[in-house]
Every structure is written in C-alpha cells, then in structure tokens.
Amino acid sequence: MRLVLAALLVAVAWPSAAAAATCAPVSTDARILASADYEDIHRRWADGSRIGLSWSLDLTGEEEGAGGEYYLIGDLIDPRGNVVDRDVYVHSMEWECDAE
C-alpha cells in the first residue's frame, strides 16, 4: 500500500509526469519550421512536402518570435505514431492544442 501511495505522490508532484499537450494542424498548409521564424522552413520539409490533418505535435515548449508571434516547439508525430522530427517549430495560429 505504501508503494502505491508513494508512486501516486511522485506522479502528481513530478513535473515531467504531468499531462503533455498534443497539437493538431488546422490545415494541410501548416509549415514545419527550424526556428521561431516563419520563413525558416525545416530542411526536411523545404521541398514543399505537406503534413496531413492526422499528424500531431507533442508539445515541449513555446517561443516568441522576433515579430511578437508565438511558435510551438515539439516532436512531430506521423499518423502511425512514429516520431518523424524532434524539436520542430510550428506557428501557433496553424495548430490547435489540447492537454491529454
């Protein structure tokens, strides 16, 4: 019983154990970026490739760009659940996020 209680307390108190947000693109026009700059397309997405609406982003952070716009940072997940790219940036207006 003590072990279960201890595990529960660690899960509640440990910051990384908190529910992470998952985000989904609003449209297939969402850009995958290398930095908090809307023109800095990620090198693996610079060929014009687009994501589908079933892709997701596991949110790890946020950053304000030079123009005052907000960017989300996270791991890009394909429809099969595989991590395709880590630590990518996306414009916050092109994605919707919900806490799990």
PDB file of N, CA and C in Angstrom:
ATOM      1  N   MET A   1       0.827  -1.198   0.000  1.00  0.00           N
ATOM      2  CA  MET A   1       0.000   0.000   0.000  1.00  0.00           C
ATOM      3  C   MET A   1       0.872   1.265   0.000  1.00  0.00           C
ATOM      4  N   ARG A   2       1.949   1.237   0.801  1.00  0.00           N
ATOM      5  CA  ARG A   2       2.832   2.402   0.851  1.00  0.00           C
ATOM      6  C   ARG A   2       3.485   2.655  -0.506  1.00  0.00           C
ATOM      7  N   LEU A   3       3.837   1.583  -1.201  1.00  0.00           N
ATOM      8  CA  LEU A   3       4.470   1.720  -2.504  1.00  0.00           C
ATOM      9  C   LEU A   3       3.522   2.370  -3.509  1.00  0.00           C
ATOM     10  N   VAL A   4       2.269   1.984  -3.473  1.00  0.00           N
ATOM     11  CA  VAL A   4       1.269   2.570  -4.379  1.00  0.00           C
ATOM     12  C   VAL A   4       1.077   4.036  -4.061  1.00  0.00           C
ATOM     13  N   LEU A   5       0.992   4.373  -2.786  1.00  0.00           N
ATOM     14  CA  LEU A   5       0.828   5.760  -2.376  1.00  0.00           C
ATOM     15  C   LEU A   5       2.045   6.591  -2.784  1.00  0.00           C
ATOM     16  N   ALA A   6       3.248   6.052  -2.597  1.00  0.00           N
ATOM     17  CA  ALA A   6       4.463   6.759  -2.981  1.00  0.00           C
ATOM     18  C   ALA A   6       4.511   6.994  -4.486  1.00  0.00           C
ATOM     19  N   ALA A   7       4.144   6.001  -5.266  1.00  0.00           N
ATOM     20  CA  ALA A   7       4.126   6.141  -6.723  1.00  0.00           C
ATOM     21  C   ALA A   7       3.125   7.205  -7.146  1.00  0.00           C
ATOM     22  N   LEU A   8       1.977   7.241  -6.493  1.00  0.00           N
ATOM     23  CA  LEU A   8       0.960   8.240  -6.808  1.00  0.00           C
ATOM     24  C   LEU A   8       1.462   9.641  -6.488  1.00  0.00           C
ATOM     25  N   LEU A   9       2.123   9.811  -5.365  1.00  0.00           N
ATOM     26  CA  LEU A   9       2.654  11.118  -4.991  1.00  0.00           C
ATOM     27  C   LEU A   9       3.735  11.575  -5.963  1.00  0.00           C
ATOM     28  N   VAL A  10       4.582  10.687  -6.408  1.00  0.00           N
ATOM     29  CA  VAL A  10       5.621  11.042  -7.372  1.00  0.00           C
ATOM     30  C   VAL A  10       4.985  11.455  -8.687  1.00  0.00           C
ATOM     31  N   ALA A  11       3.981  10.727  -9.144  1.00  0.00           N
ATOM     32  CA  ALA A  11       3.314  11.040 -10.417  1.00  0.00           C
ATOM     33  C   ALA A  11       2.642  12.400 -10.374  1.00  0.00           C
ATOM     34  N   VAL A  12       2.092  12.774  -9.234  1.00  0.00           N
ATOM     35  CA  VAL A  12       1.414  14.058  -9.103  1.00  0.00           C
ATOM     36  C   VAL A  12       2.418  15.194  -8.981  1.00  0.00           C
ATOM     37  N   ALA A  13       3.496  14.976  -8.259  1.00  0.00           N
ATOM     38  CA  ALA A  13       4.456  16.040  -7.974  1.00  0.00           C
ATOM     39  C   ALA A  13       5.518  16.214  -9.054  1.00  0.00           C
ATOM     40  N   TRP A  14       5.859  15.172  -9.765  1.00  0.00           N
ATOM     41  CA  TRP A  14       6.933  15.216 -10.748  1.00  0.00           C
ATOM     42  C   TRP A  14       6.501  16.006 -11.974  1.00  0.00           C
ATOM     43  N   PRO A  15       7.182  17.107 -12.347  1.00  0.00           N
ATOM     44  CA  PRO A  15       6.754  17.937 -13.478  1.00  0.00           C
ATOM     45  C   PRO A  15       6.661  17.192 -14.799  1.00  0.00           C
ATOM     46  N   SER A  16       7.618  16.301 -15.090  1.00  0.00           N
ATOM     47  CA  SER A  16       7.587  15.606 -16.377  1.00  0.00           C
ATOM     48  C   SER A  16       6.474  14.571 -16.435  1.00  0.00           C
ATOM     49  N   ALA A  17       5.914  14.224 -15.293  1.00  0.00           N
ATOM     50  CA  ALA A  17       4.821  13.255 -15.274  1.00  0.00           C
ATOM     51  C   ALA A  17       3.488  13.926 -15.563  1.00  0.00           C
ATOM     52  N   ALA A  18       3.464  15.255 -15.574  1.00  0.00           N
ATOM     53  CA  ALA A  18       2.229  15.978 -15.854  1.00  0.00           C
ATOM     54  C   ALA A  18       1.813  15.722 -17.304  1.00  0.00           C
ATOM     55  N   ALA A  19       0.512  15.857 -17.551  1.00  0.00           N
ATOM     56  CA  ALA A  19      -0.016  15.608 -18.887  1.00  0.00           C
ATOM     57  C   ALA A  19       0.563  16.616 -19.877  1.00  0.00           C
ATOM     58  N   ALA A  20       1.104  16.119 -20.962  1.00  0.00           N
ATOM     59  CA  ALA A  20       1.653  16.977 -22.009  1.00  0.00           C
ATOM     60  C   ALA A  20       0.535  17.324 -22.990  1.00  0.00           C
ATOM     61  N   ALA A  21       0.693  18.440 -23.652  1.00  0.00           N
ATOM     62  CA  ALA A  21      -0.288  18.843 -24.649  1.00  0.00           C
ATOM     63  C   ALA A  21       0.042  18.193 -25.982  1.00  0.00           C
ATOM     64  N   THR A  22      -0.993  17.839 -26.698  1.00  0.00           N
ATOM     65  CA  THR A  22      -0.858  17.332 -28.055  1.00  0.00           C
ATOM     66  C   THR A  22      -1.570  18.316 -28.969  1.00  0.00           C
ATOM     67  N   CYS A  23      -0.932  18.617 -30.088  1.00  0.00           N
ATOM     68  CA  CYS A  23      -1.472  19.599 -31.017  1.00  0.00           C
ATOM     69  C   CYS A  23      -1.732  18.961 -32.376  1.00  0.00           C
ATOM     70  N   ALA A  24      -2.699  19.511 -33.095  1.00  0.00           N
ATOM     71  CA  ALA A  24      -3.049  19.030 -34.439  1.00  0.00           C
ATOM     72  C   ALA A  24      -3.079  20.218 -35.390  1.00  0.00           C
ATOM     73  N   PRO A  25      -2.672  20.006 -36.639  1.00  0.00           N
ATOM     74  CA  PRO A  25      -2.688  21.112 -37.598  1.00  0.00           C
ATOM     75  C   PRO A  25      -4.125  21.508 -37.938  1.00  0.00           C
ATOM     76  N   VAL A  26      -4.332  22.801 -38.159  1.00  0.00           N
ATOM     77  CA  VAL A  26      -5.645  23.315 -38.537  1.00  0.00           C
ATOM     78  C   VAL A  26      -5.914  23.038 -40.016  1.00  0.00           C
ATOM     79  N   SER A  27      -4.844  23.043 -40.829  1.00  0.00           N
ATOM     80  CA  SER A  27      -4.982  22.751 -42.254  1.00  0.00           C
ATOM     81  C   SER A  27      -3.703  22.080 -42.753  1.00  0.00           C
ATOM     82  N   THR A  28      -3.742  21.599 -43.966  1.00  0.00           N
ATOM     83  CA  THR A  28      -2.559  20.964 -44.556  1.00  0.00           C
ATOM     84  C   THR A  28      -1.523  21.996 -45.010  1.00  0.00           C
ATOM     85  N   ASP A  29      -1.828  23.280 -44.860  1.00  0.00           N
ATOM     86  CA  ASP A  29      -0.889  24.340 -45.210  1.00  0.00           C
ATOM     87  C   ASP A  29       0.063  24.680 -44.067  1.00  0.00           C
ATOM     88  N   ALA A  30      -0.069  24.017 -42.918  1.00  0.00           N
ATOM     89  CA  ALA A  30       0.783  24.302 -41.765  1.00  0.00           C
ATOM     90  C   ALA A  30       2.248  24.042 -42.125  1.00  0.00           C
ATOM     91  N   ARG A  31       3.105  24.965 -41.765  1.00  0.00           N
ATOM     92  CA  ARG A  31       4.530  24.855 -42.061  1.00  0.00           C
ATOM     93  C   ARG A  31       5.266  24.184 -40.901  1.00  0.00           C
ATOM     94  N   ILE A  32       6.287  23.408 -41.242  1.00  0.00           N
ATOM     95  CA  ILE A  32       7.185  22.821 -40.253  1.00  0.00           C
ATOM     96  C   ILE A  32       8.467  23.653 -40.318  1.00  0.00           C
ATOM     97  N   LEU A  33       8.832  24.264 -39.196  1.00  0.00           N
ATOM     98  CA  LEU A  33       9.916  25.240 -39.164  1.00  0.00           C
ATOM     99  C   LEU A  33      11.122  24.747 -38.374  1.00  0.00           C
ATOM    100  N   ALA A  34      12.268  25.357 -38.643  1.00  0.00           N
ATOM    101  CA  ALA A  34      13.506  25.024 -37.938  1.00  0.00           C
ATOM    102  C   ALA A  34      13.770  25.967 -36.769  1.00  0.00           C
ATOM    103  N   SER A  35      13.075  27.102 -36.733  1.00  0.00           N
ATOM    104  CA  SER A  35      13.260  28.081 -35.663  1.00  0.00           C
ATOM    105  C   SER A  35      11.992  28.919 -35.534  1.00  0.00           C
ATOM    106  N   ALA A  36      12.033  29.878 -34.621  1.00  0.00           N
ATOM    107  CA  ALA A  36      10.890  30.765 -34.412  1.00  0.00           C
ATOM    108  C   ALA A  36      10.895  31.887 -35.446  1.00  0.00           C
ATOM    109  N   ASP A  37      10.977  31.499 -36.705  1.00  0.00           N
ATOM    110  CA  ASP A  37      10.970  32.414 -37.845  1.00  0.00           C
ATOM    111  C   ASP A  37      10.110  31.749 -38.917  1.00  0.00           C
ATOM    112  N   TYR A  38       9.027  32.423 -39.310  1.00  0.00           N
ATOM    113  CA  TYR A  38       8.069  31.818 -40.229  1.00  0.00           C
ATOM    114  C   TYR A  38       8.665  31.471 -41.588  1.00  0.00           C
ATOM    115  N   GLU A  39       9.746  32.107 -41.963  1.00  0.00           N
ATOM    116  CA  GLU A  39      10.390  31.837 -43.252  1.00  0.00           C
ATOM    117  C   GLU A  39      11.471  30.754 -43.165  1.00  0.00           C
ATOM    118  N   ASP A  40      11.781  30.299 -41.965  1.00  0.00           N
ATOM    119  CA  ASP A  40      12.839  29.299 -41.756  1.00  0.00           C
ATOM    120  C   ASP A  40      12.244  27.887 -41.798  1.00  0.00           C
ATOM    121  N   ILE A  41      11.932  27.427 -42.998  1.00  0.00           N
ATOM    122  CA  ILE A  41      11.345  26.103 -43.184  1.00  0.00           C
ATOM    123  C   ILE A  41      12.360  25.035 -42.777  1.00  0.00           C
ATOM    124  N   HIS A  42      11.905  24.043 -42.051  1.00  0.00           N
ATOM    125  CA  HIS A  42      12.774  22.930 -41.636  1.00  0.00           C
ATOM    126  C   HIS A  42      13.333  22.261 -42.886  1.00  0.00           C
ATOM    127  N   ARG A  43      14.615  21.899 -42.857  1.00  0.00           N
ATOM    128  CA  ARG A  43      15.288  21.360 -44.053  1.00  0.00           C
ATOM    129  C   ARG A  43      14.610  20.122 -44.609  1.00  0.00           C
ATOM    130  N   ARG A  44      14.017  19.299 -43.756  1.00  0.00           N
ATOM    131  CA  ARG A  44      13.357  18.086 -44.251  1.00  0.00           C
ATOM    132  C   ARG A  44      11.987  18.378 -44.855  1.00  0.00           C
ATOM    133  N   TRP A  45      11.500  19.605 -44.706  1.00  0.00           N
ATOM    134  CA  TRP A  45      10.192  19.988 -45.240  1.00  0.00           C
ATOM    135  C   TRP A  45      10.314  21.096 -46.278  1.00  0.00           C
ATOM    136  N   ALA A  46      11.529  21.438 -46.664  1.00  0.00           N
ATOM    137  CA  ALA A  46      11.761  22.539 -47.597  1.00  0.00           C
ATOM    138  C   ALA A  46      11.434  22.190 -49.046  1.00  0.00           C
ATOM    139  N   ASP A  47      11.201  20.916 -49.330  1.00  0.00           N
ATOM    140  CA  ASP A  47      10.914  20.506 -50.708  1.00  0.00           C
ATOM    141  C   ASP A  47       9.450  20.681 -51.091  1.00  0.00           C
ATOM    142  N   GLY A  48       8.674  21.295 -50.207  1.00  0.00           N
ATOM    143  CA  GLY A  48       7.257  21.507 -50.497  1.00  0.00           C
ATOM    144  C   GLY A  48       6.346  20.433 -49.924  1.00  0.00           C
ATOM    145  N   SER A  49       6.913  19.468 -49.213  1.00  0.00           N
ATOM    146  CA  SER A  49       6.093  18.423 -48.583  1.00  0.00           C
ATOM    147  C   SER A  49       5.103  19.054 -47.612  1.00  0.00           C
ATOM    148  N   ARG A  50       3.970  18.410 -47.476  1.00  0.00           N
ATOM    149  CA  ARG A  50       2.931  18.911 -46.563  1.00  0.00           C
ATOM    150  C   ARG A  50       2.524  17.805 -45.600  1.00  0.00           C
ATOM    151  N   ILE A  51       2.033  18.231 -44.461  1.00  0.00           N
ATOM    152  CA  ILE A  51       1.539  17.267 -43.487  1.00  0.00           C
ATOM    153  C   ILE A  51       0.041  17.086 -43.680  1.00  0.00           C
ATOM    154  N   GLY A  52      -0.472  15.974 -43.233  1.00  0.00           N
ATOM    155  CA  GLY A  52      -1.904  15.730 -43.269  1.00  0.00           C
ATOM    156  C   GLY A  52      -2.538  16.125 -41.947  1.00  0.00           C
ATOM    157  N   LEU A  53      -3.842  16.131 -41.922  1.00  0.00           N
ATOM    158  CA  LEU A  53      -4.560  16.535 -40.717  1.00  0.00           C
ATOM    159  C   LEU A  53      -4.490  15.493 -39.604  1.00  0.00           C
ATOM    160  N   SER A  54      -4.003  14.295 -39.900  1.00  0.00           N
ATOM    161  CA  SER A  54      -3.891  13.263 -38.867  1.00  0.00           C
ATOM    162  C   SER A  54      -2.507  13.250 -38.207  1.00  0.00           C
ATOM    163  N   TRP A  55      -1.638  14.171 -38.586  1.00  0.00           N
ATOM    164  CA  TRP A  55      -0.343  14.318 -37.932  1.00  0.00           C
ATOM    165  C   TRP A  55      -0.552  15.049 -36.611  1.00  0.00           C
ATOM    166  N   SER A  56       0.429  14.978 -35.728  1.00  0.00           N
ATOM    167  CA  SER A  56       0.318  15.691 -34.460  1.00  0.00           C
ATOM    168  C   SER A  56       1.678  16.191 -34.001  1.00  0.00           C
ATOM    169  N   LEU A  57       1.642  17.044 -32.991  1.00  0.00           N
ATOM    170  CA  LEU A  57       2.842  17.603 -32.388  1.00  0.00           C
ATOM    171  C   LEU A  57       2.740  17.386 -30.892  1.00  0.00           C
ATOM    172  N   ASP A  58       3.718  16.695 -30.316  1.00  0.00           N
ATOM    173  CA  ASP A  58       3.797  16.560 -28.863  1.00  0.00           C
ATOM    174  C   ASP A  58       4.528  17.794 -28.354  1.00  0.00           C
ATOM    175  N   LEU A  59       3.784  18.677 -27.742  1.00  0.00           N
ATOM    176  CA  LEU A  59       4.297  19.980 -27.329  1.00  0.00           C
ATOM    177  C   LEU A  59       5.333  19.862 -26.218  1.00  0.00           C
ATOM    178  N   THR A  60       6.486  20.500 -26.430  1.00  0.00           N
ATOM    179  CA  THR A  60       7.537  20.523 -25.407  1.00  0.00           C
ATOM    180  C   THR A  60       7.855  21.941 -24.957  1.00  0.00           C
ATOM    181  N   GLY A  61       7.402  22.946 -25.710  1.00  0.00           N
ATOM    182  CA  GLY A  61       7.676  24.325 -25.320  1.00  0.00           C
ATOM    183  C   GLY A  61       7.054  25.331 -26.272  1.00  0.00           C
ATOM    184  N   GLU A  62       7.288  26.591 -25.965  1.00  0.00           N
ATOM    185  CA  GLU A  62       6.807  27.704 -26.778  1.00  0.00           C
ATOM    186  C   GLU A  62       7.905  28.747 -26.844  1.00  0.00           C
ATOM    187  N   GLU A  63       7.879  29.559 -27.907  1.00  0.00           N
ATOM    188  CA  GLU A  63       8.863  30.635 -28.035  1.00  0.00           C
ATOM    189  C   GLU A  63       8.232  31.790 -28.784  1.00  0.00           C
ATOM    190  N   GLU A  64       8.579  32.992 -28.376  1.00  0.00           N
ATOM    191  CA  GLU A  64       8.099  34.180 -29.070  1.00  0.00           C
ATOM    192  C   GLU A  64       9.101  34.559 -30.147  1.00  0.00           C
ATOM    193  N   GLY A  65       8.605  34.769 -31.353  1.00  0.00           N
ATOM    194  CA  GLY A  65       9.462  35.169 -32.458  1.00  0.00           C
ATOM    195  C   GLY A  65       9.796  36.646 -32.398  1.00  0.00           C
ATOM    196  N   ALA A  66      10.683  37.090 -33.272  1.00  0.00           N
ATOM    197  CA  ALA A  66      11.119  38.485 -33.301  1.00  0.00           C
ATOM    198  C   ALA A  66       9.964  39.445 -33.566  1.00  0.00           C
ATOM    199  N   GLY A  67       8.969  39.001 -34.304  1.00  0.00           N
ATOM    200  CA  GLY A  67       7.824  39.840 -34.629  1.00  0.00           C
ATOM    201  C   GLY A  67       6.710  39.786 -33.595  1.00  0.00           C
ATOM    202  N   GLY A  68       6.952  39.097 -32.477  1.00  0.00           N
ATOM    203  CA  GLY A  68       5.940  39.005 -31.425  1.00  0.00           C
ATOM    204  C   GLY A  68       4.959  37.862 -31.606  1.00  0.00           C
ATOM    205  N   GLU A  69       5.123  37.062 -32.653  1.00  0.00           N
ATOM    206  CA  GLU A  69       4.241  35.920 -32.871  1.00  0.00           C
ATOM    207  C   GLU A  69       4.742  34.738 -32.056  1.00  0.00           C
ATOM    208  N   TYR A  70       3.822  33.860 -31.688  1.00  0.00           N
ATOM    209  CA  TYR A  70       4.198  32.712 -30.875  1.00  0.00           C
ATOM    210  C   TYR A  70       4.345  31.446 -31.706  1.00  0.00           C
ATOM    211  N   TYR A  71       5.352  30.672 -31.352  1.00  0.00           N
ATOM    212  CA  TYR A  71       5.648  29.416 -32.020  1.00  0.00           C
ATOM    213  C   TYR A  71       5.631  28.294 -30.989  1.00  0.00           C
ATOM    214  N   LEU A  72       5.152  27.141 -31.411  1.00  0.00           N
ATOM    215  CA  LEU A  72       5.146  25.954 -30.577  1.00  0.00           C
ATOM    216  C   LEU A  72       6.358  25.115 -30.943  1.00  0.00           C
ATOM    217  N   ILE A  73       6.924  24.441 -29.963  1.00  0.00           N
ATOM    218  CA  ILE A  73       8.075  23.574 -30.170  1.00  0.00           C
ATOM    219  C   ILE A  73       7.685  22.174 -29.726  1.00  0.00           C
ATOM    220  N   GLY A  74       8.047  21.169 -30.520  1.00  0.00           N
ATOM    221  CA  GLY A  74       7.719  19.811 -30.117  1.00  0.00           C
ATOM    222  C   GLY A  74       8.201  18.775 -31.101  1.00  0.00           C
ATOM    223  N   ASP A  75       7.766  17.554 -30.842  1.00  0.00           N
ATOM    224  CA  ASP A  75       8.118  16.417 -31.692  1.00  0.00           C
ATOM    225  C   ASP A  75       6.975  16.154 -32.658  1.00  0.00           C
ATOM    226  N   LEU A  76       7.297  16.070 -33.934  1.00  0.00           N
ATOM    227  CA  LEU A  76       6.302  15.843 -34.981  1.00  0.00           C
ATOM    228  C   LEU A  76       6.020  14.347 -35.092  1.00  0.00           C
ATOM    229  N   ILE A  77       4.739  13.977 -34.976  1.00  0.00           N
ATOM    230  CA  ILE A  77       4.313  12.583 -34.960  1.00  0.00           C
ATOM    231  C   ILE A  77       3.483  12.283 -36.206  1.00  0.00           C
ATOM    232  N   ASP A  78       3.827  11.210 -36.918  1.00  0.00           N
ATOM    233  CA  ASP A  78       3.059  10.837 -38.115  1.00  0.00           C
ATOM    234  C   ASP A  78       1.784  10.081 -37.707  1.00  0.00           C
ATOM    235  N   PRO A  79       0.896   9.794 -38.653  1.00  0.00           N
ATOM    236  CA  PRO A  79      -0.365   9.124 -38.330  1.00  0.00           C
ATOM    237  C   PRO A  79      -0.204   7.741 -37.694  1.00  0.00           C
ATOM    238  N   ARG A  80       0.944   7.108 -37.854  1.00  0.00           N
ATOM    239  CA  ARG A  80       1.180   5.784 -37.254  1.00  0.00           C
ATOM    240  C   ARG A  80       1.769   5.872 -35.849  1.00  0.00           C
ATOM    241  N   GLY A  81       2.012   7.098 -35.372  1.00  0.00           N
ATOM    242  CA  GLY A  81       2.542   7.286 -34.031  1.00  0.00           C
ATOM    243  C   GLY A  81       4.050   7.353 -33.949  1.00  0.00           C
ATOM    244  N   ASN A  82       4.719   7.409 -35.095  1.00  0.00           N
ATOM    245  CA  ASN A  82       6.179   7.483 -35.120  1.00  0.00           C
ATOM    246  C   ASN A  82       6.654   8.933 -35.039  1.00  0.00           C
ATOM    247  N   VAL A  83       7.733   9.171 -34.303  1.00  0.00           N
ATOM    248  CA  VAL A  83       8.340  10.496 -34.267  1.00  0.00           C
ATOM    249  C   VAL A  83       9.110  10.680 -35.569  1.00  0.00           C
ATOM    250  N   VAL A  84       8.718  11.687 -36.332  1.00  0.00           N
ATOM    251  CA  VAL A  84       9.350  11.956 -37.622  1.00  0.00           C
ATOM    252  C   VAL A  84      10.485  12.963 -37.469  1.00  0.00           C
ATOM    253  N   ASP A  85      10.243  14.014 -36.705  1.00  0.00           N
ATOM    254  CA  ASP A  85      11.260  15.039 -36.442  1.00  0.00           C
ATOM    255  C   ASP A  85      11.098  15.525 -35.009  1.00  0.00           C
ATOM    256  N   ARG A  86      12.221  15.713 -34.336  1.00  0.00           N
ATOM    257  CA  ARG A  86      12.209  16.203 -32.952  1.00  0.00           C
ATOM    258  C   ARG A  86      12.516  17.702 -32.918  1.00  0.00           C
ATOM    259  N   ASP A  87      11.933  18.371 -31.945  1.00  0.00           N
ATOM    260  CA  ASP A  87      12.199  19.791 -31.689  1.00  0.00           C
ATOM    261  C   ASP A  87      11.956  20.676 -32.902  1.00  0.00           C
ATOM    262  N   VAL A  88      10.846  20.459 -33.581  1.00  0.00           N
ATOM    263  CA  VAL A  88      10.468  21.343 -34.683  1.00  0.00           C
ATOM    264  C   VAL A  88       9.666  22.516 -34.123  1.00  0.00           C
ATOM    265  N   TYR A  89       9.584  23.568 -34.910  1.00  0.00           N
ATOM    266  CA  TYR A  89       8.785  24.740 -34.564  1.00  0.00           C
ATOM    267  C   TYR A  89       7.587  24.790 -35.507  1.00  0.00           C
ATOM    268  N   VAL A  90       6.464  25.244 -34.999  1.00  0.00           N
ATOM    269  CA  VAL A  90       5.285  25.483 -35.827  1.00  0.00           C
ATOM    270  C   VAL A  90       4.645  26.781 -35.353  1.00  0.00           C
ATOM    271  N   HIS A  91       3.970  27.467 -36.240  1.00  0.00           N
ATOM    272  CA  HIS A  91       3.303  28.715 -35.863  1.00  0.00           C
ATOM    273  C   HIS A  91       2.060  28.375 -35.045  1.00  0.00           C
ATOM    274  N   SER A  92       1.883  29.060 -33.947  1.00  0.00           N
ATOM    275  CA  SER A  92       0.776  28.742 -33.031  1.00  0.00           C
ATOM    276  C   SER A  92      -0.603  28.932 -33.658  1.00  0.00           C
ATOM    277  N   MET A  93      -0.725  29.785 -34.675  1.00  0.00           N
ATOM    278  CA  MET A  93      -2.023  30.012 -35.319  1.00  0.00           C
ATOM    279  C   MET A  93      -2.382  28.887 -36.293  1.00  0.00           C
ATOM    280  N   GLU A  94      -1.422  28.016 -36.627  1.00  0.00           N
ATOM    281  CA  GLU A  94      -1.675  26.932 -37.569  1.00  0.00           C
ATOM    282  C   GLU A  94      -1.968  25.600 -36.880  1.00  0.00           C
ATOM    283  N   TRP A  95      -1.942  25.581 -35.537  1.00  0.00           N
ATOM    284  CA  TRP A  95      -2.146  24.346 -34.782  1.00  0.00           C
ATOM    285  C   TRP A  95      -3.091  24.580 -33.605  1.00  0.00           C
ATOM    286  N   GLU A  96      -3.868  23.568 -33.270  1.00  0.00           N
ATOM    287  CA  GLU A  96      -4.735  23.603 -32.085  1.00  0.00           C
ATOM    288  C   GLU A  96      -4.192  22.587 -31.086  1.00  0.00           C
ATOM    289  N   CYS A  97      -4.115  22.979 -29.816  1.00  0.00           N
ATOM    290  CA  CYS A  97      -3.549  22.108 -28.789  1.00  0.00           C
ATOM    291  C   CYS A  97      -4.576  21.820 -27.692  1.00  0.00           C
ATOM    292  N   ASP A  98      -4.530  20.592 -27.197  1.00  0.00           N
ATOM    293  CA  ASP A  98      -5.356  20.156 -26.077  1.00  0.00           C
ATOM    294  C   ASP A  98      -4.473  19.385 -25.111  1.00  0.00           C
ATOM    295  N   ALA A  99      -4.720  19.543 -23.830  1.00  0.00           N
ATOM    296  CA  ALA A  99      -3.993  18.744 -22.840  1.00  0.00           C
ATOM    297  C   ALA A  99      -4.559  17.340 -22.847  1.00  0.00           C
ATOM    298  N   GLU A 100      -3.686  16.347 -22.683  1.00  0.00           N
ATOM    299  CA  GLU A 100      -4.124  14.941 -22.670  1.00  0.00           C
ATOM    300  C   GLU A 100      -4.768  14.625 -21.350  1.00  0.00           C
TER     301      GLU A 100
END
